[in-house]
Structure formats: C-alpha cells, structure tokens
Amino acid sequence: MLEWRWTKNPRPGRSAMTRRTPPIRIKRVYDPPEGNDGARVLVDRLWPRGLSKEAAALTLWLKAVAPSPELRAGFCHDPRHWDEFRRRYLAELAGNGDEAMGQLLTLARRGPVTLLYAARDTRYNNAVVLAAYLSDHIKDIES
C-alpha cells in the first residue's frame, strides 16, 4: 500500500512549514477493508471478478477515472510499457471530465481515500498513477 501524507505549503510568502494532508492510499480491491481506509473508491472500468459488492465495501465506483479501454488493452500490465502507459494515462486524466475528478478531490479534502484496483501487479497499475496525479492536485488542505 502506498501513501502520500505530507505536502509543502505551495504559496509564496507563507511559512515553510509542512501541512498534513489526508492520505491517498492504494490497494487491491481483494484485500479486506480496514478501519483507516477512509473513502474506498474503485478506479477500474470493469468490476473485479469473483468479488461481491458487499465484500468490496465501496464508497464509490468511478469508472470515469479509469484508463480508456484502448489504453488498458495496449498496456496489458507489462512493465516494459509502463512509461508510455503512464504518459498517456496522465494525458487522459488531464482531459478527463471535471465531475469525476471533482468527486475524488472532494473526498480527498474530507479525509483519507483508498484507491482500489483489481490488477495483480501492485507496482504497475493505474491506481499508482492516479494517486500521484491526485496528490499533485490537492490544494489548501489544512490539518
């Protein structure tokens, strides 16, 4: 599980102290829910095989922030394609609907968010890219 927790104050002229931001975590949707997960958001376009909605214990399923079917098919979770996948997925996120990203950012401003994915690979998956993208876009969160 990855977690981003601290950010520097981005505004010039303000103190250089750091502020605590609600963490953005990532983990497999098949892992059991934990009390510190906060909002549990599935960020895959397809429902995970063999998992009931009750077992997933989701707050939200945001298909709109998942990679496009074409991008997902081209990546095939092959680490050799990771840099290209990451570049293209970031471009998709930047052009993605503001509503879906707004929902994620709102949840992140309220407290911890756990981005859930079904891929077996814990290092090379869309949630890793999305978590980094979100952490770069969260602003003005006071502890």
C-alpha atoms as a PDB file:
ATOM      1  CA  MET A   1       0.000   0.000   0.000  1.00  0.00           C
ATOM      2  CA  LEU A   2       1.367   3.410  -0.957  1.00  0.00           C
ATOM      3  CA  GLU A   3       0.539   6.534   0.948  1.00  0.00           C
ATOM      4  CA  TRP A   4       1.142  10.242   0.421  1.00  0.00           C
ATOM      5  CA  ARG A   5       0.897  12.182   3.627  1.00  0.00           C
ATOM      6  CA  TRP A   6       2.871  15.452   3.676  1.00  0.00           C
ATOM      7  CA  THR A   7       2.949  18.411   1.329  1.00  0.00           C
ATOM      8  CA  LYS A   8       4.900  21.640   1.398  1.00  0.00           C
ATOM      9  CA  ASN A   9       2.943  24.849   1.550  1.00  0.00           C
ATOM     10  CA  PRO A  10       2.795  25.913  -2.131  1.00  0.00           C
ATOM     11  CA  ARG A  11       2.066  29.591  -1.649  1.00  0.00           C
ATOM     12  CA  PRO A  12       4.973  32.048  -1.794  1.00  0.00           C
ATOM     13  CA  GLY A  13       5.353  34.294   1.210  1.00  0.00           C
ATOM     14  CA  ARG A  14       3.835  31.838   3.676  1.00  0.00           C
ATOM     15  CA  SER A  15       5.742  29.908   6.268  1.00  0.00           C
ATOM     16  CA  ALA A  16       7.820  26.983   5.084  1.00  0.00           C
ATOM     17  CA  MET A  17       6.183  24.540   7.497  1.00  0.00           C
ATOM     18  CA  THR A  18       4.516  21.462   6.108  1.00  0.00           C
ATOM     19  CA  ARG A  19       0.867  20.637   6.422  1.00  0.00           C
ATOM     20  CA  ARG A  20      -0.663  17.258   6.916  1.00  0.00           C
ATOM     21  CA  THR A  21      -2.991  16.242   4.115  1.00  0.00           C
ATOM     22  CA  PRO A  22      -5.402  13.356   4.266  1.00  0.00           C
ATOM     23  CA  PRO A  23      -3.589  10.335   2.881  1.00  0.00           C
ATOM     24  CA  ILE A  24      -4.247   8.868  -0.519  1.00  0.00           C
ATOM     25  CA  ARG A  25      -3.683   5.146  -0.344  1.00  0.00           C
ATOM     26  CA  ILE A  26      -3.825   2.455  -2.965  1.00  0.00           C
ATOM     27  CA  LYS A  27      -4.530  -1.214  -2.502  1.00  0.00           C
ATOM     28  CA  ARG A  28      -6.054  -4.200  -4.204  1.00  0.00           C
ATOM     29  CA  VAL A  29      -9.813  -4.374  -4.021  1.00  0.00           C
ATOM     30  CA  TYR A  30      -9.461  -8.015  -2.985  1.00  0.00           C
ATOM     31  CA  ASP A  31      -7.690  -7.013   0.244  1.00  0.00           C
ATOM     32  CA  PRO A  32     -10.092  -6.793   3.187  1.00  0.00           C
ATOM     33  CA  PRO A  33     -11.362  -3.341   4.181  1.00  0.00           C
ATOM     34  CA  GLU A  34      -9.578  -1.698   7.101  1.00  0.00           C
ATOM     35  CA  GLY A  35     -10.753   0.971   9.517  1.00  0.00           C
ATOM     36  CA  ASN A  36      -8.220   3.510   8.247  1.00  0.00           C
ATOM     37  CA  ASP A  37      -9.209   3.156   4.566  1.00  0.00           C
ATOM     38  CA  GLY A  38     -11.469   6.188   4.667  1.00  0.00           C
ATOM     39  CA  ALA A  39     -13.400   6.542   1.389  1.00  0.00           C
ATOM     40  CA  ARG A  40     -12.913   3.371  -0.657  1.00  0.00           C
ATOM     41  CA  VAL A  41     -13.027   4.179  -4.376  1.00  0.00           C
ATOM     42  CA  LEU A  42     -12.787   1.564  -7.116  1.00  0.00           C
ATOM     43  CA  VAL A  43     -10.868   3.137 -10.011  1.00  0.00           C
ATOM     44  CA  ASP A  44     -11.170   0.317 -12.564  1.00  0.00           C
ATOM     45  CA  ARG A  45     -13.517   0.337 -15.531  1.00  0.00           C
ATOM     46  CA  LEU A  46     -14.519  -3.318 -15.027  1.00  0.00           C
ATOM     47  CA  TRP A  47     -15.942  -4.914 -11.908  1.00  0.00           C
ATOM     48  CA  PRO A  48     -13.392  -7.241 -10.232  1.00  0.00           C
ATOM     49  CA  ARG A  49     -14.014 -10.936 -10.906  1.00  0.00           C
ATOM     50  CA  GLY A  50     -15.460 -13.010  -8.113  1.00  0.00           C
ATOM     51  CA  LEU A  51     -15.973 -10.112  -5.711  1.00  0.00           C
ATOM     52  CA  SER A  52     -19.350  -9.218  -4.278  1.00  0.00           C
ATOM     53  CA  LYS A  53     -20.358  -5.614  -3.760  1.00  0.00           C
ATOM     54  CA  GLU A  54     -20.669  -6.298  -0.043  1.00  0.00           C
ATOM     55  CA  ALA A  55     -17.100  -7.647   0.186  1.00  0.00           C
ATOM     56  CA  ALA A  56     -15.753  -4.666  -1.764  1.00  0.00           C
ATOM     57  CA  ALA A  57     -17.324  -2.239   0.750  1.00  0.00           C
ATOM     58  CA  LEU A  58     -17.051   0.663  -1.692  1.00  0.00           C
ATOM     59  CA  THR A  59     -17.826   4.278  -1.088  1.00  0.00           C
ATOM     60  CA  LEU A  60     -17.803   4.935  -4.824  1.00  0.00           C
ATOM     61  CA  TRP A  61     -17.048   3.257  -8.149  1.00  0.00           C
ATOM     62  CA  LEU A  62     -15.552   5.830 -10.516  1.00  0.00           C
ATOM     63  CA  LYS A  63     -15.226   4.243 -13.947  1.00  0.00           C
ATOM     64  CA  ALA A  64     -14.669   7.686 -15.458  1.00  0.00           C
ATOM     65  CA  VAL A  65     -11.150   7.980 -13.967  1.00  0.00           C
ATOM     66  CA  ALA A  66     -10.054   4.548 -15.190  1.00  0.00           C
ATOM     67  CA  PRO A  67      -7.831   4.279 -18.272  1.00  0.00           C
ATOM     68  CA  SER A  68      -9.663   4.054 -21.579  1.00  0.00           C
ATOM     69  CA  PRO A  69     -10.269   0.520 -22.895  1.00  0.00           C
ATOM     70  CA  GLU A  70      -7.733   1.151 -25.677  1.00  0.00           C
ATOM     71  CA  LEU A  71      -5.043   2.284 -23.262  1.00  0.00           C
ATOM     72  CA  ARG A  72      -5.726  -0.573 -20.866  1.00  0.00           C
ATOM     73  CA  ALA A  73      -5.574  -3.143 -23.687  1.00  0.00           C
ATOM     74  CA  GLY A  74      -2.324  -1.701 -25.030  1.00  0.00           C
ATOM     75  CA  PHE A  75      -0.650  -1.773 -21.620  1.00  0.00           C
ATOM     76  CA  CYS A  76      -1.549  -5.385 -20.682  1.00  0.00           C
ATOM     77  CA  HIS A  77       0.167  -4.775 -17.303  1.00  0.00           C
ATOM     78  CA  ASP A  78       3.536  -5.212 -18.990  1.00  0.00           C
ATOM     79  CA  PRO A  79       6.233  -3.216 -17.135  1.00  0.00           C
ATOM     80  CA  ARG A  80       8.035  -2.637 -20.453  1.00  0.00           C
ATOM     81  CA  HIS A  81       5.093  -0.412 -21.493  1.00  0.00           C
ATOM     82  CA  TRP A  82       4.854   1.400 -18.144  1.00  0.00           C
ATOM     83  CA  ASP A  83       6.398   4.745 -19.169  1.00  0.00           C
ATOM     84  CA  GLU A  84       4.176   5.024 -22.238  1.00  0.00           C
ATOM     85  CA  PHE A  85       1.091   3.928 -20.278  1.00  0.00           C
ATOM     86  CA  ARG A  86       1.827   6.446 -17.544  1.00  0.00           C
ATOM     87  CA  ARG A  87       2.332   9.293 -20.035  1.00  0.00           C
ATOM     88  CA  ARG A  88      -0.868   8.518 -21.936  1.00  0.00           C
ATOM     89  CA  TYR A  89      -2.924   7.924 -18.790  1.00  0.00           C
ATOM     90  CA  LEU A  90      -1.812  11.257 -17.310  1.00  0.00           C
ATOM     91  CA  ALA A  91      -2.928  12.909 -20.564  1.00  0.00           C
ATOM     92  CA  GLU A  92      -6.305  11.169 -20.252  1.00  0.00           C
ATOM     93  CA  LEU A  93      -6.640  12.312 -16.645  1.00  0.00           C
ATOM     94  CA  ALA A  94      -5.818  15.899 -17.582  1.00  0.00           C
ATOM     95  CA  GLY A  95      -8.569  15.822 -20.214  1.00  0.00           C
ATOM     96  CA  ASN A  96     -10.954  13.783 -18.067  1.00  0.00           C
ATOM     97  CA  GLY A  97     -14.343  15.047 -17.010  1.00  0.00           C
ATOM     98  CA  ASP A  98     -14.119  17.553 -14.204  1.00  0.00           C
ATOM     99  CA  GLU A  99     -17.040  15.922 -12.422  1.00  0.00           C
ATOM    100  CA  ALA A 100     -15.286  12.623 -11.686  1.00  0.00           C
ATOM    101  CA  MET A 101     -12.036  14.300 -10.653  1.00  0.00           C
ATOM    102  CA  GLY A 102     -14.020  16.764  -8.590  1.00  0.00           C
ATOM    103  CA  GLN A 103     -15.631  13.885  -6.719  1.00  0.00           C
ATOM    104  CA  LEU A 104     -12.229  12.383  -5.922  1.00  0.00           C
ATOM    105  CA  LEU A 105     -10.718  15.684  -4.861  1.00  0.00           C
ATOM    106  CA  THR A 106     -13.719  16.427  -2.637  1.00  0.00           C
ATOM    107  CA  LEU A 107     -13.348  13.054  -0.926  1.00  0.00           C
ATOM    108  CA  ALA A 108      -9.609  13.631  -0.512  1.00  0.00           C
ATOM    109  CA  ARG A 109     -10.184  17.030   1.080  1.00  0.00           C
ATOM    110  CA  ARG A 110     -12.545  15.443   3.625  1.00  0.00           C
ATOM    111  CA  GLY A 111     -10.269  12.649   4.768  1.00  0.00           C
ATOM    112  CA  PRO A 112      -8.334   9.555   3.769  1.00  0.00           C
ATOM    113  CA  VAL A 113      -9.062   7.992   0.387  1.00  0.00           C
ATOM    114  CA  THR A 114      -8.128   4.483  -0.669  1.00  0.00           C
ATOM    115  CA  LEU A 115      -7.980   3.944  -4.418  1.00  0.00           C
ATOM    116  CA  LEU A 116      -8.842   0.327  -5.176  1.00  0.00           C
ATOM    117  CA  TYR A 117      -7.703  -1.657  -8.198  1.00  0.00           C
ATOM    118  CA  ALA A 118      -8.006  -5.297  -9.246  1.00  0.00           C
ATOM    119  CA  ALA A 119      -4.669  -5.802 -11.033  1.00  0.00           C
ATOM    120  CA  ARG A 120      -2.291  -8.356  -9.567  1.00  0.00           C
ATOM    121  CA  ASP A 121       0.699  -6.107 -10.062  1.00  0.00           C
ATOM    122  CA  THR A 122       0.944  -3.751  -7.106  1.00  0.00           C
ATOM    123  CA  ARG A 123       3.634  -1.602  -8.701  1.00  0.00           C
ATOM    124  CA  TYR A 124       2.456  -1.100 -12.287  1.00  0.00           C
ATOM    125  CA  ASN A 125      -1.232  -0.215 -12.339  1.00  0.00           C
ATOM    126  CA  ASN A 126      -3.494   2.743 -12.950  1.00  0.00           C
ATOM    127  CA  ALA A 127      -4.078   3.462  -9.259  1.00  0.00           C
ATOM    128  CA  VAL A 128      -0.374   4.263  -8.786  1.00  0.00           C
ATOM    129  CA  VAL A 129      -0.568   6.922 -11.497  1.00  0.00           C
ATOM    130  CA  LEU A 130      -3.910   8.259 -10.280  1.00  0.00           C
ATOM    131  CA  ALA A 131      -2.699   8.581  -6.666  1.00  0.00           C
ATOM    132  CA  ALA A 132       0.315  10.618  -7.791  1.00  0.00           C
ATOM    133  CA  TYR A 133      -1.916  12.762 -10.030  1.00  0.00           C
ATOM    134  CA  LEU A 134      -4.334  13.441  -7.156  1.00  0.00           C
ATOM    135  CA  SER A 135      -1.593  14.263  -4.684  1.00  0.00           C
ATOM    136  CA  ASP A 136      -0.299  16.875  -7.141  1.00  0.00           C
ATOM    137  CA  HIS A 137      -3.765  18.444  -7.450  1.00  0.00           C
ATOM    138  CA  ILE A 138      -4.881  18.625  -3.824  1.00  0.00           C
ATOM    139  CA  LYS A 139      -4.582  22.179  -2.583  1.00  0.00           C
ATOM    140  CA  ASP A 140      -5.396  24.149   0.548  1.00  0.00           C
ATOM    141  CA  ILE A 141      -5.970  21.239   2.901  1.00  0.00           C
ATOM    142  CA  GLU A 142      -5.473  22.296   6.471  1.00  0.00           C
ATOM    143  CA  SER A 143      -4.850  19.783   9.225  1.00  0.00           C
END
